[in-house]
N, C-alpha and C. Protein backbone atom coordinates (compact mmCIF):
# COMPACT_ATOMS: atom_id res chain seq x y z
N UNK A 1 88.43 79.05 100.20
CA UNK A 1 89.40 79.24 99.15
C UNK A 1 90.02 80.63 99.30
N UNK A 2 91.29 80.71 99.00
CA UNK A 2 92.01 81.98 99.05
C UNK A 2 92.51 82.32 97.66
N UNK A 3 92.38 83.59 97.31
CA UNK A 3 92.85 84.04 96.00
C UNK A 3 93.36 85.47 96.13
N UNK A 4 94.08 85.91 95.12
CA UNK A 4 94.62 87.26 95.09
C UNK A 4 93.50 88.28 94.86
N UNK A 5 93.65 89.43 95.47
CA UNK A 5 92.77 90.55 95.17
C UNK A 5 93.29 91.16 93.87
N UNK A 6 92.45 91.29 92.89
CA UNK A 6 92.88 91.80 91.58
C UNK A 6 93.16 93.30 91.60
N UNK A 7 92.89 93.97 92.72
CA UNK A 7 93.20 95.39 92.86
C UNK A 7 94.63 95.62 93.36
N UNK A 8 95.41 94.55 93.40
CA UNK A 8 96.79 94.62 93.89
C UNK A 8 97.75 94.59 92.70
N UNK A 9 98.66 95.56 92.67
CA UNK A 9 99.76 95.56 91.72
C UNK A 9 100.96 95.06 92.50
N UNK A 10 101.70 94.10 91.96
CA UNK A 10 102.82 93.53 92.71
C UNK A 10 104.05 93.40 91.84
N UNK A 11 105.18 93.27 92.52
CA UNK A 11 106.45 93.06 91.86
C UNK A 11 107.48 92.61 92.88
N UNK A 12 108.64 92.19 92.40
CA UNK A 12 109.70 91.70 93.29
C UNK A 12 110.76 92.76 93.50
N UNK A 13 111.26 92.84 94.72
CA UNK A 13 112.37 93.71 95.07
C UNK A 13 113.28 92.89 95.98
N UNK A 14 114.47 92.55 95.48
CA UNK A 14 115.36 91.60 96.16
C UNK A 14 114.60 90.28 96.30
N UNK A 15 114.52 89.74 97.51
CA UNK A 15 113.79 88.47 97.71
C UNK A 15 112.39 88.71 98.26
N UNK A 16 111.93 89.93 98.24
CA UNK A 16 110.64 90.26 98.81
C UNK A 16 109.64 90.67 97.73
N UNK A 17 108.40 90.49 98.05
CA UNK A 17 107.31 90.89 97.16
C UNK A 17 106.81 92.25 97.66
N UNK A 18 106.71 93.22 96.78
CA UNK A 18 106.14 94.51 97.14
C UNK A 18 104.82 94.65 96.39
N UNK A 19 103.87 95.32 97.04
CA UNK A 19 102.53 95.39 96.49
C UNK A 19 101.93 96.75 96.76
N UNK A 20 101.01 97.16 95.89
CA UNK A 20 100.24 98.36 96.12
C UNK A 20 98.77 98.04 95.87
N UNK A 21 97.95 98.43 96.83
CA UNK A 21 96.51 98.28 96.69
C UNK A 21 96.03 99.50 95.92
N UNK A 22 95.59 99.30 94.69
CA UNK A 22 95.22 100.40 93.80
C UNK A 22 94.13 101.27 94.42
N UNK A 23 93.08 100.64 94.89
CA UNK A 23 91.93 101.35 95.42
C UNK A 23 92.26 102.16 96.67
N UNK A 24 93.08 101.60 97.56
CA UNK A 24 93.39 102.25 98.83
C UNK A 24 94.68 103.07 98.79
N UNK A 25 95.50 102.85 97.76
CA UNK A 25 96.76 103.58 97.67
C UNK A 25 97.76 103.21 98.75
N UNK A 26 97.68 102.00 99.27
CA UNK A 26 98.59 101.55 100.33
C UNK A 26 99.59 100.56 99.78
N UNK A 27 100.79 100.61 100.35
CA UNK A 27 101.88 99.71 99.96
C UNK A 27 102.06 98.63 101.01
N UNK A 28 102.45 97.45 100.56
CA UNK A 28 102.70 96.32 101.45
C UNK A 28 103.95 95.60 100.97
N UNK A 29 104.61 94.91 101.89
CA UNK A 29 105.76 94.09 101.55
C UNK A 29 105.57 92.70 102.15
N UNK A 30 106.02 91.69 101.42
CA UNK A 30 105.93 90.31 101.90
C UNK A 30 107.32 89.72 102.05
N UNK A 31 107.48 88.91 103.06
CA UNK A 31 108.71 88.15 103.25
C UNK A 31 108.77 87.05 102.20
N UNK A 32 109.87 86.33 102.10
CA UNK A 32 109.92 85.21 101.14
C UNK A 32 108.82 84.17 101.33
N UNK A 33 108.45 83.86 102.56
CA UNK A 33 107.37 82.89 102.78
C UNK A 33 106.03 83.49 102.36
N UNK A 34 105.79 84.75 102.71
CA UNK A 34 104.58 85.42 102.26
C UNK A 34 104.50 85.47 100.74
N UNK A 35 105.65 85.72 100.11
CA UNK A 35 105.72 85.74 98.65
C UNK A 35 105.36 84.36 98.08
N UNK A 36 105.83 83.31 98.74
CA UNK A 36 105.52 81.95 98.27
C UNK A 36 104.02 81.68 98.35
N UNK A 37 103.39 82.13 99.43
CA UNK A 37 101.93 81.97 99.55
C UNK A 37 101.25 82.76 98.44
N UNK A 38 101.71 83.99 98.18
CA UNK A 38 101.17 84.81 97.10
C UNK A 38 101.29 84.08 95.76
N UNK A 39 102.44 83.47 95.53
CA UNK A 39 102.64 82.71 94.29
C UNK A 39 101.65 81.53 94.20
N UNK A 40 101.46 80.84 95.32
CA UNK A 40 100.58 79.67 95.33
C UNK A 40 99.13 80.03 95.03
N UNK A 41 98.71 81.20 95.47
CA UNK A 41 97.29 81.55 95.28
C UNK A 41 97.05 82.32 93.98
N UNK A 42 98.00 82.22 93.06
CA UNK A 42 97.73 82.76 91.73
C UNK A 42 96.46 82.08 91.19
N UNK A 43 96.32 80.81 91.52
CA UNK A 43 95.08 80.06 91.30
C UNK A 43 94.49 79.82 92.69
N UNK A 44 93.19 80.03 92.89
CA UNK A 44 92.60 79.85 94.23
C UNK A 44 92.94 78.50 94.84
N UNK A 45 93.27 78.53 96.12
CA UNK A 45 93.63 77.31 96.86
C UNK A 45 93.01 77.38 98.25
N UNK A 46 92.79 76.21 98.83
CA UNK A 46 92.29 76.19 100.20
C UNK A 46 93.47 76.08 101.18
N UNK A 47 93.16 76.22 102.45
CA UNK A 47 94.19 76.21 103.49
C UNK A 47 95.00 74.92 103.48
N UNK A 48 94.35 73.78 103.29
CA UNK A 48 95.06 72.50 103.29
C UNK A 48 96.07 72.41 102.15
N UNK A 49 95.68 72.89 100.97
CA UNK A 49 96.59 72.86 99.82
C UNK A 49 97.82 73.74 100.07
N UNK A 50 97.58 74.91 100.61
CA UNK A 50 98.69 75.83 100.91
C UNK A 50 99.60 75.22 101.96
N UNK A 51 99.00 74.70 103.04
CA UNK A 51 99.77 74.11 104.14
C UNK A 51 100.58 72.91 103.66
N UNK A 52 99.98 72.02 102.91
CA UNK A 52 100.69 70.83 102.42
C UNK A 52 101.89 71.21 101.57
N UNK A 53 101.72 72.20 100.71
CA UNK A 53 102.82 72.64 99.85
C UNK A 53 103.95 73.22 100.67
N UNK A 54 103.63 74.16 101.57
CA UNK A 54 104.69 74.79 102.37
C UNK A 54 105.34 73.81 103.34
N UNK A 55 104.55 72.89 103.89
CA UNK A 55 105.10 71.89 104.79
C UNK A 55 106.13 71.03 104.07
N UNK A 56 105.89 70.74 102.80
CA UNK A 56 106.83 69.92 102.04
C UNK A 56 108.08 70.71 101.64
N UNK A 57 108.00 72.03 101.64
CA UNK A 57 109.12 72.86 101.19
C UNK A 57 109.98 73.41 102.33
N UNK A 58 109.43 73.48 103.54
CA UNK A 58 110.15 74.07 104.66
C UNK A 58 110.27 73.06 105.80
N UNK A 59 111.31 73.22 106.60
CA UNK A 59 111.55 72.36 107.75
C UNK A 59 110.82 72.96 108.96
N UNK A 60 109.55 72.56 109.11
CA UNK A 60 108.71 73.11 110.17
C UNK A 60 107.67 72.06 110.56
N UNK A 61 107.26 72.09 111.82
CA UNK A 61 106.20 71.18 112.27
C UNK A 61 104.90 71.56 111.57
N UNK A 62 104.11 70.56 111.22
CA UNK A 62 102.89 70.81 110.44
C UNK A 62 101.90 71.72 111.17
N UNK A 63 101.71 71.51 112.48
CA UNK A 63 100.76 72.36 113.21
C UNK A 63 101.25 73.81 113.28
N UNK A 64 102.56 74.00 113.45
CA UNK A 64 103.14 75.35 113.46
C UNK A 64 103.01 75.99 112.08
N UNK A 65 103.25 75.20 111.04
CA UNK A 65 103.12 75.67 109.67
C UNK A 65 101.70 76.17 109.41
N UNK A 66 100.71 75.36 109.76
CA UNK A 66 99.31 75.75 109.54
C UNK A 66 98.94 76.98 110.36
N UNK A 67 99.41 77.03 111.60
CA UNK A 67 99.10 78.17 112.47
C UNK A 67 99.65 79.48 111.88
N UNK A 68 100.88 79.45 111.39
CA UNK A 68 101.49 80.66 110.84
C UNK A 68 100.86 81.04 109.50
N UNK A 69 100.50 80.06 108.69
CA UNK A 69 99.83 80.34 107.42
C UNK A 69 98.47 80.97 107.70
N UNK A 70 97.75 80.40 108.63
CA UNK A 70 96.42 80.93 108.98
C UNK A 70 96.53 82.37 109.48
N UNK A 71 97.54 82.67 110.31
CA UNK A 71 97.72 84.03 110.81
C UNK A 71 98.04 84.99 109.66
N UNK A 72 98.91 84.56 108.74
CA UNK A 72 99.25 85.39 107.58
C UNK A 72 98.01 85.65 106.73
N UNK A 73 97.26 84.59 106.41
CA UNK A 73 96.08 84.73 105.56
C UNK A 73 95.03 85.62 106.22
N UNK A 74 94.81 85.45 107.53
CA UNK A 74 93.83 86.29 108.23
C UNK A 74 94.20 87.76 108.14
N UNK A 75 95.48 88.06 108.33
CA UNK A 75 95.93 89.45 108.26
C UNK A 75 95.83 89.98 106.83
N UNK A 76 96.21 89.17 105.84
CA UNK A 76 96.12 89.59 104.44
C UNK A 76 94.67 89.83 104.02
N UNK A 77 93.75 89.01 104.52
CA UNK A 77 92.32 89.21 104.24
C UNK A 77 91.86 90.51 104.91
N UNK A 78 92.30 90.74 106.13
CA UNK A 78 91.93 91.96 106.85
C UNK A 78 92.37 93.21 106.07
N UNK A 79 93.56 93.16 105.47
CA UNK A 79 94.07 94.29 104.68
C UNK A 79 93.58 94.29 103.24
N UNK A 80 92.74 93.30 102.90
CA UNK A 80 92.14 93.20 101.57
C UNK A 80 93.18 92.96 100.46
N UNK A 81 94.25 92.25 100.81
CA UNK A 81 95.26 91.85 99.83
C UNK A 81 94.85 90.51 99.21
N UNK A 82 94.29 89.67 100.08
CA UNK A 82 93.85 88.33 99.68
C UNK A 82 92.35 88.25 99.94
N UNK A 83 91.66 87.55 99.04
CA UNK A 83 90.22 87.36 99.16
C UNK A 83 89.95 85.94 99.64
N UNK A 84 89.09 85.83 100.66
CA UNK A 84 88.67 84.51 101.14
C UNK A 84 87.23 84.30 100.67
N UNK A 85 87.00 83.17 100.03
CA UNK A 85 85.64 82.85 99.59
C UNK A 85 85.26 81.48 100.10
N UNK A 86 83.98 81.26 100.21
CA UNK A 86 83.49 79.95 100.66
C UNK A 86 83.80 78.90 99.61
N UNK A 87 84.18 77.75 100.09
CA UNK A 87 84.47 76.62 99.20
C UNK A 87 83.16 75.91 98.87
N UNK A 88 82.92 75.70 97.59
CA UNK A 88 81.70 75.00 97.18
C UNK A 88 82.04 73.61 96.69
N UNK A 89 81.25 72.61 97.08
CA UNK A 89 81.53 71.23 96.66
C UNK A 89 81.38 71.05 95.16
């Protein structure tokens, strides 16, 4: 499951999402697609839920969509913007 890090302050600037990590004092910017993922994980979601939603909204091959989402999420987790937790049945 992926969810927002609550230590992030965010807002919109033009069509982009800007963010500041309170604890680290670092700023980040998201593209419109990154912003859409950020919006989707306001409530925790798994990779399949995120991929299915974006696949239905954008004209992209499903495997490419999942690959790019996975790369974005991995990087966001690395920067501690997004939290990844184990999914429990």
